[in-house]
Amino acid sequence: MDEASINSLWAWVATAGLAVITVITRAFFLIPRRDLPLPEWFKRGLRYAPLAALTAVIAPQIAMTDGALVSTWLDARLPAVLCATLFFIYKRGILGTIGIGMAVYLPLRLGLGW
């Protein structure tokens, strides 16, 4: 076998292995016939998992540019986040928060070039 065939074979093996691992980990809670007993502290902690994941994805996008912290206040993301946060504190609505954030971000980014 030549090197290209071996590399292709390893790519297929890796893809199949990742697919199997993904199916097993995602189906882990569906396999048992009865509910798994979870401690109450663990159940309480699971309520915050989506918020923690969202924060971990969005926070670097807001605070960093090209791997470095934002170094100027003339960045459209900062006023947009501030306005969206204030709206959420006042109204507690997700859709409005996104709308306000984008309504502030787009004119600053596209209109002023921030």
N, C-alpha and C. Protein backbone atom coordinates (compact mmCIF):
# COMPACT_ATOMS: atom_id res chain seq x y z
N MET A 1 0.85 -1.19 0.00
CA MET A 1 0.00 0.00 0.00
C MET A 1 0.89 1.24 0.00
N ASP A 2 0.47 2.22 -0.78
CA ASP A 2 1.23 3.47 -0.79
C ASP A 2 0.79 4.38 0.36
N GLU A 3 1.52 5.46 0.56
CA GLU A 3 1.29 6.34 1.71
C GLU A 3 -0.08 7.02 1.66
N ALA A 4 -0.56 7.37 0.47
CA ALA A 4 -1.86 8.03 0.34
C ALA A 4 -2.98 7.09 0.77
N SER A 5 -2.86 5.81 0.43
CA SER A 5 -3.88 4.83 0.82
C SER A 5 -3.89 4.61 2.33
N ILE A 6 -2.72 4.59 2.92
CA ILE A 6 -2.62 4.41 4.37
C ILE A 6 -3.23 5.62 5.09
N ASN A 7 -2.93 6.82 4.61
CA ASN A 7 -3.50 8.02 5.21
C ASN A 7 -5.02 8.03 5.07
N SER A 8 -5.50 7.61 3.92
CA SER A 8 -6.95 7.55 3.70
C SER A 8 -7.59 6.51 4.62
N LEU A 9 -6.94 5.37 4.79
CA LEU A 9 -7.45 4.34 5.68
C LEU A 9 -7.52 4.86 7.12
N TRP A 10 -6.46 5.52 7.57
CA TRP A 10 -6.46 6.07 8.94
C TRP A 10 -7.53 7.14 9.12
N ALA A 11 -7.79 7.92 8.08
CA ALA A 11 -8.85 8.93 8.16
C ALA A 11 -10.21 8.26 8.34
N TRP A 12 -10.46 7.17 7.62
CA TRP A 12 -11.73 6.44 7.76
C TRP A 12 -11.84 5.78 9.13
N VAL A 13 -10.75 5.22 9.61
CA VAL A 13 -10.76 4.58 10.93
C VAL A 13 -11.02 5.63 12.02
N ALA A 14 -10.37 6.78 11.91
CA ALA A 14 -10.58 7.84 12.90
C ALA A 14 -12.01 8.35 12.86
N THR A 15 -12.56 8.53 11.67
CA THR A 15 -13.94 9.00 11.53
C THR A 15 -14.92 8.00 12.12
N ALA A 16 -14.72 6.72 11.82
CA ALA A 16 -15.60 5.69 12.38
C ALA A 16 -15.49 5.63 13.90
N GLY A 17 -14.28 5.73 14.41
CA GLY A 17 -14.08 5.73 15.86
C GLY A 17 -14.76 6.90 16.53
N LEU A 18 -14.63 8.09 15.96
CA LEU A 18 -15.30 9.26 16.51
C LEU A 18 -16.81 9.13 16.44
N ALA A 19 -17.33 8.54 15.37
CA ALA A 19 -18.77 8.33 15.26
C ALA A 19 -19.27 7.39 16.34
N VAL A 20 -18.54 6.31 16.59
CA VAL A 20 -18.94 5.36 17.63
C VAL A 20 -18.90 6.03 19.01
N ILE A 21 -17.86 6.77 19.29
CA ILE A 21 -17.75 7.45 20.59
C ILE A 21 -18.88 8.46 20.75
N THR A 22 -19.21 9.19 19.69
CA THR A 22 -20.29 10.17 19.75
C THR A 22 -21.63 9.51 20.03
N VAL A 23 -21.91 8.43 19.34
CA VAL A 23 -23.19 7.73 19.56
C VAL A 23 -23.27 7.19 20.98
N ILE A 24 -22.21 6.60 21.47
CA ILE A 24 -22.22 6.03 22.83
C ILE A 24 -22.41 7.13 23.87
N THR A 25 -21.67 8.23 23.76
CA THR A 25 -21.78 9.28 24.78
C THR A 25 -23.12 9.99 24.73
N ARG A 26 -23.69 10.17 23.56
CA ARG A 26 -24.99 10.85 23.46
C ARG A 26 -26.14 9.92 23.86
N ALA A 27 -25.96 8.64 23.68
CA ALA A 27 -27.03 7.70 24.01
C ALA A 27 -26.88 7.13 25.41
N PHE A 28 -25.88 7.57 26.15
CA PHE A 28 -25.58 7.00 27.46
C PHE A 28 -26.79 7.04 28.39
N PHE A 29 -27.53 8.15 28.38
CA PHE A 29 -28.67 8.28 29.28
C PHE A 29 -29.93 7.63 28.72
N LEU A 30 -29.90 7.21 27.46
CA LEU A 30 -31.06 6.55 26.86
C LEU A 30 -30.99 5.03 26.96
N ILE A 31 -29.83 4.50 27.23
CA ILE A 31 -29.63 3.04 27.27
C ILE A 31 -30.30 2.38 28.47
N PRO A 32 -30.16 2.91 29.70
CA PRO A 32 -30.75 2.22 30.86
C PRO A 32 -32.28 2.18 30.78
N ARG A 33 -32.87 1.14 31.30
CA ARG A 33 -34.33 0.98 31.28
C ARG A 33 -35.01 1.83 32.35
N ARG A 34 -34.29 2.20 33.38
CA ARG A 34 -34.88 3.04 34.43
C ARG A 34 -34.01 4.27 34.63
N ASP A 35 -34.54 5.27 35.29
CA ASP A 35 -33.79 6.50 35.53
C ASP A 35 -32.57 6.23 36.40
N LEU A 36 -31.50 6.91 36.06
CA LEU A 36 -30.29 6.79 36.87
C LEU A 36 -30.45 7.68 38.11
N PRO A 37 -30.13 7.17 39.27
CA PRO A 37 -30.23 8.01 40.47
C PRO A 37 -29.09 9.04 40.47
N LEU A 38 -29.47 10.31 40.48
CA LEU A 38 -28.48 11.38 40.51
C LEU A 38 -28.62 12.15 41.82
N PRO A 39 -27.52 12.54 42.40
CA PRO A 39 -27.61 13.34 43.62
C PRO A 39 -28.30 14.68 43.34
N GLU A 40 -28.95 15.22 44.33
CA GLU A 40 -29.70 16.47 44.17
C GLU A 40 -28.77 17.62 43.78
N TRP A 41 -27.57 17.67 44.35
CA TRP A 41 -26.64 18.74 44.01
C TRP A 41 -26.24 18.68 42.54
N PHE A 42 -26.17 17.47 41.97
CA PHE A 42 -25.83 17.30 40.57
C PHE A 42 -26.97 17.79 39.68
N LYS A 43 -28.20 17.48 40.06
CA LYS A 43 -29.37 17.96 39.30
C LYS A 43 -29.44 19.48 39.30
N ARG A 44 -29.16 20.09 40.45
CA ARG A 44 -29.17 21.55 40.52
C ARG A 44 -28.08 22.14 39.62
N GLY A 45 -26.93 21.50 39.61
CA GLY A 45 -25.83 21.98 38.78
C GLY A 45 -26.11 21.87 37.29
N LEU A 46 -26.87 20.86 36.89
CA LEU A 46 -27.19 20.68 35.48
C LEU A 46 -28.06 21.81 34.93
N ARG A 47 -28.78 22.50 35.80
CA ARG A 47 -29.61 23.62 35.33
C ARG A 47 -28.75 24.74 34.76
N TYR A 48 -27.51 24.86 35.23
CA TYR A 48 -26.64 25.95 34.79
C TYR A 48 -25.74 25.55 33.63
N ALA A 49 -25.77 24.33 33.20
CA ALA A 49 -24.89 23.86 32.12
C ALA A 49 -25.12 24.61 30.81
N PRO A 50 -26.36 24.81 30.35
CA PRO A 50 -26.53 25.54 29.08
C PRO A 50 -26.01 26.97 29.16
N LEU A 51 -26.25 27.65 30.28
CA LEU A 51 -25.76 29.02 30.42
C LEU A 51 -24.23 29.05 30.44
N ALA A 52 -23.62 28.09 31.12
CA ALA A 52 -22.15 28.04 31.17
C ALA A 52 -21.57 27.76 29.78
N ALA A 53 -22.20 26.87 29.03
CA ALA A 53 -21.71 26.57 27.68
C ALA A 53 -21.86 27.78 26.77
N LEU A 54 -22.99 28.46 26.84
CA LEU A 54 -23.20 29.64 26.03
C LEU A 54 -22.20 30.74 26.37
N THR A 55 -21.95 30.93 27.64
CA THR A 55 -20.97 31.93 28.07
C THR A 55 -19.57 31.58 27.58
N ALA A 56 -19.22 30.32 27.64
CA ALA A 56 -17.89 29.89 27.19
C ALA A 56 -17.71 30.11 25.69
N VAL A 57 -18.77 30.06 24.93
CA VAL A 57 -18.68 30.27 23.48
C VAL A 57 -18.70 31.76 23.14
N ILE A 58 -19.57 32.52 23.78
CA ILE A 58 -19.78 33.91 23.40
C ILE A 58 -18.78 34.87 24.02
N ALA A 59 -18.37 34.66 25.26
CA ALA A 59 -17.48 35.61 25.93
C ALA A 59 -16.18 35.87 25.17
N PRO A 60 -15.49 34.87 24.67
CA PRO A 60 -14.28 35.17 23.90
C PRO A 60 -14.57 35.95 22.61
N GLN A 61 -15.73 35.72 22.01
CA GLN A 61 -16.09 36.45 20.79
C GLN A 61 -16.32 37.94 21.08
N ILE A 62 -16.76 38.24 22.29
CA ILE A 62 -17.03 39.63 22.66
C ILE A 62 -15.74 40.32 23.11
N ALA A 63 -14.93 39.66 23.89
CA ALA A 63 -13.79 40.31 24.54
C ALA A 63 -12.48 40.21 23.77
N MET A 64 -12.43 39.42 22.70
CA MET A 64 -11.15 39.20 22.02
C MET A 64 -11.26 39.43 20.52
N THR A 65 -10.13 39.87 19.94
CA THR A 65 -10.00 40.01 18.49
C THR A 65 -8.66 39.43 18.10
N ASP A 66 -8.66 38.46 17.22
CA ASP A 66 -7.42 37.81 16.76
C ASP A 66 -6.57 37.30 17.91
N GLY A 67 -7.21 36.75 18.94
CA GLY A 67 -6.49 36.15 20.05
C GLY A 67 -5.99 37.12 21.10
N ALA A 68 -6.32 38.39 20.97
CA ALA A 68 -5.91 39.39 21.96
C ALA A 68 -7.14 40.13 22.48
N LEU A 69 -7.05 40.61 23.72
CA LEU A 69 -8.18 41.34 24.28
C LEU A 69 -8.45 42.60 23.48
N VAL A 70 -9.71 43.00 23.42
CA VAL A 70 -10.09 44.22 22.73
C VAL A 70 -9.36 45.38 23.38
N SER A 71 -8.69 46.20 22.58
CA SER A 71 -7.84 47.25 23.15
C SER A 71 -8.42 48.65 23.01
N THR A 72 -9.59 48.77 22.42
CA THR A 72 -10.20 50.08 22.22
C THR A 72 -11.68 50.04 22.58
N TRP A 73 -12.20 51.18 22.98
CA TRP A 73 -13.63 51.27 23.26
C TRP A 73 -14.43 51.43 21.97
N LEU A 74 -13.75 51.70 20.86
CA LEU A 74 -14.43 51.86 19.58
C LEU A 74 -14.62 50.50 18.90
N ASP A 75 -15.22 49.62 19.61
CA ASP A 75 -15.55 48.29 19.11
C ASP A 75 -17.05 48.12 19.26
N ALA A 76 -17.74 47.85 18.18
CA ALA A 76 -19.21 47.80 18.18
C ALA A 76 -19.77 46.75 19.12
N ARG A 77 -18.99 45.74 19.43
CA ARG A 77 -19.49 44.67 20.30
C ARG A 77 -19.73 45.14 21.73
N LEU A 78 -18.89 46.05 22.22
CA LEU A 78 -19.00 46.48 23.62
C LEU A 78 -20.29 47.25 23.91
N PRO A 79 -20.65 48.30 23.14
CA PRO A 79 -21.92 48.96 23.40
C PRO A 79 -23.12 48.04 23.14
N ALA A 80 -22.99 47.15 22.17
CA ALA A 80 -24.09 46.22 21.88
C ALA A 80 -24.33 45.29 23.06
N VAL A 81 -23.27 44.78 23.65
CA VAL A 81 -23.41 43.90 24.82
C VAL A 81 -23.98 44.67 26.00
N LEU A 82 -23.52 45.89 26.20
CA LEU A 82 -24.02 46.70 27.30
C LEU A 82 -25.52 46.96 27.16
N CYS A 83 -25.96 47.37 25.97
CA CYS A 83 -27.38 47.64 25.74
C CYS A 83 -28.21 46.36 25.87
N ALA A 84 -27.72 45.27 25.33
CA ALA A 84 -28.45 44.00 25.41
C ALA A 84 -28.55 43.54 26.86
N THR A 85 -27.49 43.71 27.62
CA THR A 85 -27.51 43.31 29.03
C THR A 85 -28.50 44.15 29.82
N LEU A 86 -28.51 45.46 29.60
CA LEU A 86 -29.46 46.33 30.28
C LEU A 86 -30.90 45.97 29.91
N PHE A 87 -31.12 45.67 28.63
CA PHE A 87 -32.47 45.28 28.21
C PHE A 87 -32.89 43.98 28.91
N PHE A 88 -31.97 43.01 28.99
CA PHE A 88 -32.32 41.75 29.62
C PHE A 88 -32.62 41.94 31.10
N ILE A 89 -31.85 42.78 31.78
CA ILE A 89 -32.09 43.04 33.20
C ILE A 89 -33.48 43.67 33.38
N TYR A 90 -33.86 44.56 32.46
CA TYR A 90 -35.13 45.27 32.57
C TYR A 90 -36.33 44.40 32.18
N LYS A 91 -36.23 43.67 31.04
CA LYS A 91 -37.38 42.94 30.49
C LYS A 91 -37.34 41.42 30.67
N ARG A 92 -36.15 40.83 30.82
CA ARG A 92 -35.98 39.37 30.95
C ARG A 92 -36.46 38.60 29.72
N GLY A 93 -36.26 39.17 28.53
CA GLY A 93 -36.66 38.50 27.30
C GLY A 93 -35.46 38.21 26.42
N ILE A 94 -35.31 36.99 25.99
CA ILE A 94 -34.15 36.60 25.18
C ILE A 94 -34.23 37.19 23.77
N LEU A 95 -35.40 37.08 23.12
CA LEU A 95 -35.52 37.56 21.75
C LEU A 95 -35.28 39.07 21.68
N GLY A 96 -35.85 39.82 22.61
CA GLY A 96 -35.61 41.26 22.65
C GLY A 96 -34.16 41.59 22.92
N THR A 97 -33.51 40.80 23.76
CA THR A 97 -32.09 41.01 24.06
C THR A 97 -31.25 40.86 22.79
N ILE A 98 -31.53 39.83 22.03
CA ILE A 98 -30.81 39.62 20.77
C ILE A 98 -31.10 40.76 19.80
N GLY A 99 -32.37 41.15 19.72
CA GLY A 99 -32.76 42.24 18.81
C GLY A 99 -32.09 43.56 19.17
N ILE A 100 -32.09 43.91 20.44
CA ILE A 100 -31.45 45.16 20.88
C ILE A 100 -29.95 45.11 20.61
N GLY A 101 -29.33 43.99 20.94
CA GLY A 101 -27.89 43.86 20.70
C GLY A 101 -27.54 44.05 19.23
N MET A 102 -28.30 43.44 18.36
CA MET A 102 -28.04 43.56 16.92
C MET A 102 -28.40 44.95 16.41
N ALA A 103 -29.46 45.58 16.97
CA ALA A 103 -29.84 46.92 16.56
C ALA A 103 -28.77 47.95 16.91
N VAL A 104 -28.02 47.69 17.96
CA VAL A 104 -26.91 48.59 18.32
C VAL A 104 -25.65 48.21 17.54
N TYR A 105 -25.39 46.93 17.42
CA TYR A 105 -24.16 46.46 16.79
C TYR A 105 -24.08 46.81 15.30
N LEU A 106 -25.13 46.51 14.54
CA LEU A 106 -25.07 46.68 13.09
C LEU A 106 -24.82 48.11 12.64
N PRO A 107 -25.54 49.12 13.16
CA PRO A 107 -25.22 50.49 12.71
C PRO A 107 -23.79 50.93 13.07
N LEU A 108 -23.33 50.52 14.26
CA LEU A 108 -21.98 50.88 14.64
C LEU A 108 -20.94 50.19 13.77
N ARG A 109 -21.17 48.93 13.47
CA ARG A 109 -20.21 48.15 12.68
C ARG A 109 -20.26 48.54 11.19
N LEU A 110 -21.46 48.56 10.63
CA LEU A 110 -21.59 48.83 9.20
C LEU A 110 -21.59 50.32 8.89
N GLY A 111 -22.25 51.11 9.75
CA GLY A 111 -22.34 52.55 9.49
C GLY A 111 -21.07 53.32 9.84
N LEU A 112 -20.54 53.08 11.03
CA LEU A 112 -19.37 53.81 11.48
C LEU A 112 -18.06 53.05 11.29
N GLY A 113 -18.15 51.79 10.96
CA GLY A 113 -16.95 50.99 10.73
C GLY A 113 -16.17 50.62 11.98
N TRP A 114 -16.84 50.62 13.11
CA TRP A 114 -16.17 50.27 14.37
C TRP A 114 -15.70 48.85 14.34
